[in-house]
Amino acid sequence: MIRDENLGVRFQRKVRMFSYMADFYCPSKKLVIQIASNETDSVLVMDNTMIKEDIKTIRIPYNYILKNANEILNEIKRYLNI
């Protein structure tokens, strides 16, 4: 789903950012996509760190991905202004 031909930008997979691991990162758009299993305090700290660095984060619940792939793709496109 997250491929150059779908979105027109390149995402890197499993990128270390500060003391966190981002599931997907698009450097040109400063966008992180996290596949989230649940919300924890460390998630909130990570989000705050990304906000301070002017990096947007989209969190997608794991169980939501397979059922709603097109909707997720549209949300990512909205963040990328495509």
PDB file of N, CA and C in Angstrom:
ATOM      1  N   MET A   1       0.829  -1.193   0.000  1.00  0.00           N
ATOM      2  CA  MET A   1       0.000   0.000   0.000  1.00  0.00           C
ATOM      3  C   MET A   1       0.873   1.257   0.000  1.00  0.00           C
ATOM      4  N   ILE A   2       1.917   1.301   0.832  1.00  0.00           N
ATOM      5  CA  ILE A   2       2.764   2.491   0.896  1.00  0.00           C
ATOM      6  C   ILE A   2       3.918   2.293  -0.080  1.00  0.00           C
ATOM      7  N   ARG A   3       3.660   2.651  -1.317  1.00  0.00           N
ATOM      8  CA  ARG A   3       4.656   2.506  -2.373  1.00  0.00           C
ATOM      9  C   ARG A   3       4.726   3.806  -3.165  1.00  0.00           C
ATOM     10  N   ASP A   4       5.869   4.012  -3.820  1.00  0.00           N
ATOM     11  CA  ASP A   4       6.054   5.225  -4.622  1.00  0.00           C
ATOM     12  C   ASP A   4       4.914   5.420  -5.620  1.00  0.00           C
ATOM     13  N   GLU A   5       4.531   4.333  -6.298  1.00  0.00           N
ATOM     14  CA  GLU A   5       3.521   4.467  -7.355  1.00  0.00           C
ATOM     15  C   GLU A   5       2.136   4.800  -6.799  1.00  0.00           C
ATOM     16  N   ASN A   6       1.871   4.471  -5.546  1.00  0.00           N
ATOM     17  CA  ASN A   6       0.576   4.789  -4.942  1.00  0.00           C
ATOM     18  C   ASN A   6       0.504   6.228  -4.433  1.00  0.00           C
ATOM     19  N   LEU A   7       1.626   6.732  -3.928  1.00  0.00           N
ATOM     20  CA  LEU A   7       1.599   8.014  -3.232  1.00  0.00           C
ATOM     21  C   LEU A   7       2.493   9.086  -3.856  1.00  0.00           C
ATOM     22  N   GLY A   8       3.402   8.697  -4.715  1.00  0.00           N
ATOM     23  CA  GLY A   8       4.270   9.670  -5.369  1.00  0.00           C
ATOM     24  C   GLY A   8       5.420  10.172  -4.512  1.00  0.00           C
ATOM     25  N   VAL A   9       5.589   9.628  -3.324  1.00  0.00           N
ATOM     26  CA  VAL A   9       6.713   9.964  -2.452  1.00  0.00           C
ATOM     27  C   VAL A   9       7.295   8.672  -1.894  1.00  0.00           C
ATOM     28  N   ARG A  10       8.522   8.761  -1.428  1.00  0.00           N
ATOM     29  CA  ARG A  10       9.200   7.568  -0.930  1.00  0.00           C
ATOM     30  C   ARG A  10       9.120   7.484   0.592  1.00  0.00           C
ATOM     31  N   PHE A  11       8.721   6.322   1.069  1.00  0.00           N
ATOM     32  CA  PHE A  11       8.704   6.027   2.498  1.00  0.00           C
ATOM     33  C   PHE A  11       9.828   5.056   2.812  1.00  0.00           C
ATOM     34  N   GLN A  12      10.486   5.277   3.931  1.00  0.00           N
ATOM     35  CA  GLN A  12      11.471   4.338   4.447  1.00  0.00           C
ATOM     36  C   GLN A  12      10.791   3.494   5.507  1.00  0.00           C
ATOM     37  N   ARG A  13      11.190   2.239   5.590  1.00  0.00           N
ATOM     38  CA  ARG A  13      10.571   1.325   6.548  1.00  0.00           C
ATOM     39  C   ARG A  13      11.509   1.098   7.726  1.00  0.00           C
ATOM     40  N   LYS A  14      10.945   1.055   8.922  1.00  0.00           N
ATOM     41  CA  LYS A  14      11.677   0.799  10.165  1.00  0.00           C
ATOM     42  C   LYS A  14      12.879   1.731  10.308  1.00  0.00           C
ATOM     43  N   VAL A  15      12.579   2.983  10.594  1.00  0.00           N
ATOM     44  CA  VAL A  15      13.601   4.017  10.703  1.00  0.00           C
ATOM     45  C   VAL A  15      13.753   4.435  12.171  1.00  0.00           C
ATOM     46  N   ARG A  16      14.986   4.444  12.657  1.00  0.00           N
ATOM     47  CA  ARG A  16      15.242   4.925  14.016  1.00  0.00           C
ATOM     48  C   ARG A  16      15.195   6.449  13.995  1.00  0.00           C
ATOM     49  N   MET A  17      14.338   6.988  14.846  1.00  0.00           N
ATOM     50  CA  MET A  17      14.176   8.439  14.954  1.00  0.00           C
ATOM     51  C   MET A  17      14.266   8.798  16.430  1.00  0.00           C
ATOM     52  N   PHE A  18      15.329   9.508  16.756  1.00  0.00           N
ATOM     53  CA  PHE A  18      15.594   9.850  18.146  1.00  0.00           C
ATOM     54  C   PHE A  18      15.740   8.541  18.908  1.00  0.00           C
ATOM     55  N   SER A  19      14.978   8.294  19.927  1.00  0.00           N
ATOM     56  CA  SER A  19      15.102   7.008  20.631  1.00  0.00           C
ATOM     57  C   SER A  19      13.922   6.079  20.307  1.00  0.00           C
ATOM     58  N   TYR A  20      13.286   6.305  19.171  1.00  0.00           N
ATOM     59  CA  TYR A  20      12.105   5.541  18.779  1.00  0.00           C
ATOM     60  C   TYR A  20      12.318   4.878  17.425  1.00  0.00           C
ATOM     61  N   MET A  21      11.489   3.889  17.127  1.00  0.00           N
ATOM     62  CA  MET A  21      11.518   3.230  15.833  1.00  0.00           C
ATOM     63  C   MET A  21      10.211   3.559  15.111  1.00  0.00           C
ATOM     64  N   ALA A  22      10.331   4.250  13.988  1.00  0.00           N
ATOM     65  CA  ALA A  22       9.155   4.581  13.179  1.00  0.00           C
ATOM     66  C   ALA A  22       8.899   3.433  12.209  1.00  0.00           C
ATOM     67  N   ASP A  23       7.646   3.025  12.078  1.00  0.00           N
ATOM     68  CA  ASP A  23       7.311   1.956  11.133  1.00  0.00           C
ATOM     69  C   ASP A  23       7.565   2.407   9.700  1.00  0.00           C
ATOM     70  N   PHE A  24       7.112   3.610   9.362  1.00  0.00           N
ATOM     71  CA  PHE A  24       7.335   4.182   8.030  1.00  0.00           C
ATOM     72  C   PHE A  24       7.641   5.661   8.201  1.00  0.00           C
ATOM     73  N   TYR A  25       8.566   6.184   7.378  1.00  0.00           N
ATOM     74  CA  TYR A  25       8.909   7.603   7.451  1.00  0.00           C
ATOM     75  C   TYR A  25       9.125   8.142   6.047  1.00  0.00           C
ATOM     76  N   CYS A  26       8.493   9.280   5.770  1.00  0.00           N
ATOM     77  CA  CYS A  26       8.675   9.994   4.512  1.00  0.00           C
ATOM     78  C   CYS A  26       9.439  11.275   4.822  1.00  0.00           C
ATOM     79  N   PRO A  27      10.776  11.288   4.560  1.00  0.00           N
ATOM     80  CA  PRO A  27      11.570  12.464   4.903  1.00  0.00           C
ATOM     81  C   PRO A  27      11.147  13.732   4.169  1.00  0.00           C
ATOM     82  N   SER A  28      10.764  13.605   2.906  1.00  0.00           N
ATOM     83  CA  SER A  28      10.418  14.805   2.130  1.00  0.00           C
ATOM     84  C   SER A  28       9.164  15.494   2.654  1.00  0.00           C
ATOM     85  N   LYS A  29       8.284  14.759   3.303  1.00  0.00           N
ATOM     86  CA  LYS A  29       7.050  15.332   3.854  1.00  0.00           C
ATOM     87  C   LYS A  29       7.047  15.385   5.379  1.00  0.00           C
ATOM     88  N   LYS A  30       8.148  14.902   5.987  1.00  0.00           N
ATOM     89  CA  LYS A  30       8.245  14.847   7.447  1.00  0.00           C
ATOM     90  C   LYS A  30       7.001  14.195   8.055  1.00  0.00           C
ATOM     91  N   LEU A  31       6.728  12.980   7.584  1.00  0.00           N
ATOM     92  CA  LEU A  31       5.543  12.240   8.008  1.00  0.00           C
ATOM     93  C   LEU A  31       5.929  10.845   8.482  1.00  0.00           C
ATOM     94  N   VAL A  32       5.492  10.498   9.683  1.00  0.00           N
ATOM     95  CA  VAL A  32       5.672   9.156  10.251  1.00  0.00           C
ATOM     96  C   VAL A  32       4.329   8.456  10.228  1.00  0.00           C
ATOM     97  N   ILE A  33       4.347   7.189   9.838  1.00  0.00           N
ATOM     98  CA  ILE A  33       3.155   6.347   9.940  1.00  0.00           C
ATOM     99  C   ILE A  33       3.498   5.214  10.898  1.00  0.00           C
ATOM    100  N   GLN A  34       2.724   5.125  11.969  1.00  0.00           N
ATOM    101  CA  GLN A  34       2.922   4.089  12.967  1.00  0.00           C
ATOM    102  C   GLN A  34       1.747   3.123  12.939  1.00  0.00           C
ATOM    103  N   ILE A  35       2.057   1.849  12.913  1.00  0.00           N
ATOM    104  CA  ILE A  35       1.037   0.815  13.044  1.00  0.00           C
ATOM    105  C   ILE A  35       0.935   0.542  14.538  1.00  0.00           C
ATOM    106  N   ALA A  36      -0.177   0.917  15.116  1.00  0.00           N
ATOM    107  CA  ALA A  36      -0.315   0.922  16.575  1.00  0.00           C
ATOM    108  C   ALA A  36      -1.140  -0.254  17.063  1.00  0.00           C
ATOM    109  N   SER A  37      -0.596  -0.955  18.044  1.00  0.00           N
ATOM    110  CA  SER A  37      -1.368  -2.029  18.661  1.00  0.00           C
ATOM    111  C   SER A  37      -2.190  -1.498  19.832  1.00  0.00           C
ATOM    112  N   ASN A  38      -1.636  -0.508  20.547  1.00  0.00           N
ATOM    113  CA  ASN A  38      -2.388   0.131  21.633  1.00  0.00           C
ATOM    114  C   ASN A  38      -1.706   1.429  22.020  1.00  0.00           C
ATOM    115  N   GLU A  39      -2.406   2.239  22.771  1.00  0.00           N
ATOM    116  CA  GLU A  39      -1.874   3.526  23.222  1.00  0.00           C
ATOM    117  C   GLU A  39      -1.193   3.327  24.578  1.00  0.00           C
ATOM    118  N   THR A  40       0.019   3.804  24.697  1.00  0.00           N
ATOM    119  CA  THR A  40       0.752   3.737  25.958  1.00  0.00           C
ATOM    120  C   THR A  40       1.361   5.099  26.234  1.00  0.00           C
ATOM    121  N   ASP A  41       1.929   5.246  27.429  1.00  0.00           N
ATOM    122  CA  ASP A  41       2.595   6.507  27.766  1.00  0.00           C
ATOM    123  C   ASP A  41       3.763   6.777  26.831  1.00  0.00           C
ATOM    124  N   SER A  42       4.493   5.718  26.431  1.00  0.00           N
ATOM    125  CA  SER A  42       5.639   5.919  25.542  1.00  0.00           C
ATOM    126  C   SER A  42       5.199   6.426  24.172  1.00  0.00           C
ATOM    127  N   VAL A  43       4.001   6.044  23.742  1.00  0.00           N
ATOM    128  CA  VAL A  43       3.459   6.539  22.472  1.00  0.00           C
ATOM    129  C   VAL A  43       3.234   8.046  22.569  1.00  0.00           C
ATOM    130  N   LEU A  44       2.707   8.495  23.674  1.00  0.00           N
ATOM    131  CA  LEU A  44       2.468   9.925  23.857  1.00  0.00           C
ATOM    132  C   LEU A  44       3.775  10.704  23.896  1.00  0.00           C
ATOM    133  N   VAL A  45       4.794  10.137  24.526  1.00  0.00           N
ATOM    134  CA  VAL A  45       6.107  10.786  24.567  1.00  0.00           C
ATOM    135  C   VAL A  45       6.688  10.847  23.163  1.00  0.00           C
ATOM    136  N   MET A  46       6.555   9.756  22.404  1.00  0.00           N
ATOM    137  CA  MET A  46       7.051   9.745  21.019  1.00  0.00           C
ATOM    138  C   MET A  46       6.339  10.811  20.197  1.00  0.00           C
ATOM    139  N   ASP A  47       5.025  10.871  20.301  1.00  0.00           N
ATOM    140  CA  ASP A  47       4.260  11.876  19.556  1.00  0.00           C
ATOM    141  C   ASP A  47       4.709  13.291  19.907  1.00  0.00           C
ATOM    142  N   ASN A  48       4.926  13.560  21.183  1.00  0.00           N
ATOM    143  CA  ASN A  48       5.380  14.889  21.604  1.00  0.00           C
ATOM    144  C   ASN A  48       6.760  15.201  21.041  1.00  0.00           C
ATOM    145  N   THR A  49       7.637  14.204  20.998  1.00  0.00           N
ATOM    146  CA  THR A  49       8.971  14.392  20.418  1.00  0.00           C
ATOM    147  C   THR A  49       8.856  14.742  18.947  1.00  0.00           C
ATOM    148  N   MET A  50       8.007  14.030  18.227  1.00  0.00           N
ATOM    149  CA  MET A  50       7.834  14.285  16.795  1.00  0.00           C
ATOM    150  C   MET A  50       7.238  15.678  16.558  1.00  0.00           C
ATOM    151  N   ILE A  51       6.297  16.074  17.386  1.00  0.00           N
ATOM    152  CA  ILE A  51       5.690  17.404  17.254  1.00  0.00           C
ATOM    153  C   ILE A  51       6.753  18.485  17.440  1.00  0.00           C
ATOM    154  N   LYS A  52       7.628  18.322  18.428  1.00  0.00           N
ATOM    155  CA  LYS A  52       8.700  19.300  18.664  1.00  0.00           C
ATOM    156  C   LYS A  52       9.627  19.409  17.460  1.00  0.00           C
ATOM    157  N   GLU A  53       9.779  18.326  16.715  1.00  0.00           N
ATOM    158  CA  GLU A  53      10.655  18.305  15.536  1.00  0.00           C
ATOM    159  C   GLU A  53       9.892  18.624  14.251  1.00  0.00           C
ATOM    160  N   ASP A  54       8.629  19.045  14.382  1.00  0.00           N
ATOM    161  CA  ASP A  54       7.776  19.397  13.239  1.00  0.00           C
ATOM    162  C   ASP A  54       7.557  18.209  12.300  1.00  0.00           C
ATOM    163  N   ILE A  55       7.389  17.027  12.893  1.00  0.00           N
ATOM    164  CA  ILE A  55       7.120  15.805  12.135  1.00  0.00           C
ATOM    165  C   ILE A  55       5.702  15.359  12.471  1.00  0.00           C
ATOM    166  N   LYS A  56       4.886  15.169  11.435  1.00  0.00           N
ATOM    167  CA  LYS A  56       3.512  14.703  11.628  1.00  0.00           C
ATOM    168  C   LYS A  56       3.522  13.189  11.836  1.00  0.00           C
ATOM    169  N   THR A  57       2.585  12.704  12.632  1.00  0.00           N
ATOM    170  CA  THR A  57       2.463  11.266  12.874  1.00  0.00           C
ATOM    171  C   THR A  57       1.025  10.823  12.626  1.00  0.00           C
ATOM    172  N   ILE A  58       0.884   9.777  11.837  1.00  0.00           N
ATOM    173  CA  ILE A  58      -0.413   9.119  11.660  1.00  0.00           C
ATOM    174  C   ILE A  58      -0.314   7.782  12.375  1.00  0.00           C
ATOM    175  N   ARG A  59      -1.246   7.522  13.269  1.00  0.00           N
ATOM    176  CA  ARG A  59      -1.308   6.225  13.963  1.00  0.00           C
ATOM    177  C   ARG A  59      -2.484   5.435  13.402  1.00  0.00           C
ATOM    178  N   ILE A  60      -2.182   4.225  12.973  1.00  0.00           N
ATOM    179  CA  ILE A  60      -3.218   3.369  12.398  1.00  0.00           C
ATOM    180  C   ILE A  60      -3.317   2.114  13.250  1.00  0.00           C
ATOM    181  N   PRO A  61      -4.481   1.856  13.826  1.00  0.00           N
ATOM    182  CA  PRO A  61      -4.636   0.635  14.616  1.00  0.00           C
ATOM    183  C   PRO A  61      -4.419  -0.610  13.741  1.00  0.00           C
ATOM    184  N   TYR A  62      -3.685  -1.549  14.275  1.00  0.00           N
ATOM    185  CA  TYR A  62      -3.326  -2.757  13.541  1.00  0.00           C
ATOM    186  C   TYR A  62      -4.556  -3.478  12.976  1.00  0.00           C
ATOM    187  N   ASN A  63      -5.591  -3.628  13.789  1.00  0.00           N
ATOM    188  CA  ASN A  63      -6.774  -4.380  13.349  1.00  0.00           C
ATOM    189  C   ASN A  63      -7.613  -3.617  12.323  1.00  0.00           C
ATOM    190  N   TYR A  64      -7.288  -2.369  12.066  1.00  0.00           N
ATOM    191  CA  TYR A  64      -8.023  -1.528  11.123  1.00  0.00           C
ATOM    192  C   TYR A  64      -7.465  -1.628   9.702  1.00  0.00           C
ATOM    193  N   ILE A  65      -6.216  -2.030   9.586  1.00  0.00           N
ATOM    194  CA  ILE A  65      -5.498  -1.984   8.310  1.00  0.00           C
ATOM    195  C   ILE A  65      -6.144  -2.837   7.221  1.00  0.00           C
ATOM    196  N   LEU A  66      -6.338  -4.096   7.473  1.00  0.00           N
ATOM    197  CA  LEU A  66      -6.834  -4.993   6.422  1.00  0.00           C
ATOM    198  C   LEU A  66      -8.265  -4.689   6.011  1.00  0.00           C
ATOM    199  N   LYS A  67      -9.064  -4.229   6.937  1.00  0.00           N
ATOM    200  CA  LYS A  67     -10.467  -3.955   6.648  1.00  0.00           C
ATOM    201  C   LYS A  67     -10.675  -2.638   5.899  1.00  0.00           C
ATOM    202  N   ASN A  68      -9.745  -1.710   6.049  1.00  0.00           N
ATOM    203  CA  ASN A  68      -9.970  -0.349   5.569  1.00  0.00           C
ATOM    204  C   ASN A  68      -8.785   0.204   4.785  1.00  0.00           C
ATOM    205  N   ALA A  69      -8.169  -0.598   3.945  1.00  0.00           N
ATOM    206  CA  ALA A  69      -6.952  -0.199   3.230  1.00  0.00           C
ATOM    207  C   ALA A  69      -7.170   1.058   2.387  1.00  0.00           C
ATOM    208  N   ASN A  70      -8.255   1.135   1.650  1.00  0.00           N
ATOM    209  CA  ASN A  70      -8.505   2.308   0.798  1.00  0.00           C
ATOM    210  C   ASN A  70      -8.711   3.573   1.620  1.00  0.00           C
ATOM    211  N   GLU A  71      -9.411   3.460   2.717  1.00  0.00           N
ATOM    212  CA  GLU A  71      -9.643   4.618   3.583  1.00  0.00           C
ATOM    213  C   GLU A  71      -8.320   5.111   4.183  1.00  0.00           C
ATOM    214  N   ILE A  72      -7.465   4.179   4.578  1.00  0.00           N
ATOM    215  CA  ILE A  72      -6.156   4.540   5.128  1.00  0.00           C
ATOM    216  C   ILE A  72      -5.311   5.226   4.060  1.00  0.00           C
ATOM    217  N   LEU A  73      -5.306   4.680   2.855  1.00  0.00           N
ATOM    218  CA  LEU A  73      -4.558   5.282   1.753  1.00  0.00           C
ATOM    219  C   LEU A  73      -5.038   6.708   1.482  1.00  0.00           C
ATOM    220  N   ASN A  74      -6.338   6.918   1.523  1.00  0.00           N
ATOM    221  CA  ASN A  74      -6.889   8.266   1.327  1.00  0.00           C
ATOM    222  C   ASN A  74      -6.476   9.217   2.442  1.00  0.00           C
ATOM    223  N   GLU A  75      -6.419   8.730   3.677  1.00  0.00           N
ATOM    224  CA  GLU A  75      -5.983   9.569   4.798  1.00  0.00           C
ATOM    225  C   GLU A  75      -4.521   9.968   4.619  1.00  0.00           C
ATOM    226  N   ILE A  76      -3.675   9.026   4.210  1.00  0.00           N
ATOM    227  CA  ILE A  76      -2.266   9.332   3.982  1.00  0.00           C
ATOM    228  C   ILE A  76      -2.139  10.362   2.856  1.00  0.00           C
ATOM    229  N   LYS A  77      -2.896  10.194   1.783  1.00  0.00           N
ATOM    230  CA  LYS A  77      -2.866  11.152   0.683  1.00  0.00           C
ATOM    231  C   LYS A  77      -3.273  12.540   1.145  1.00  0.00           C
ATOM    232  N   ARG A  78      -4.254  12.607   2.048  1.00  0.00           N
ATOM    233  CA  ARG A  78      -4.691  13.897   2.583  1.00  0.00           C
ATOM    234  C   ARG A  78      -3.537  14.579   3.335  1.00  0.00           C
ATOM    235  N   TYR A  79      -2.812  13.826   4.135  1.00  0.00           N
ATOM    236  CA  TYR A  79      -1.665  14.383   4.861  1.00  0.00           C
ATOM    237  C   TYR A  79      -0.566  14.831   3.905  1.00  0.00           C
ATOM    238  N   LEU A  80      -0.428  14.121   2.779  1.00  0.00           N
ATOM    239  CA  LEU A  80       0.618  14.445   1.802  1.00  0.00           C
ATOM    240  C   LEU A  80       0.172  15.538   0.844  1.00  0.00           C
ATOM    241  N   ASN A  81      -1.089  15.969   0.960  1.00  0.00           N
ATOM    242  CA  ASN A  81      -1.676  16.963   0.049  1.00  0.00           C
ATOM    243  C   ASN A  81      -1.665  16.503  -1.396  1.00  0.00           C
ATOM    244  N   ILE A  82      -2.044  15.250  -1.606  1.00  0.00           N
ATOM    245  CA  ILE A  82      -2.114  14.700  -2.966  1.00  0.00           C
ATOM    246  C   ILE A  82      -3.555  14.762  -3.455  1.00  0.00           C
TER     247      ILE A  82
END
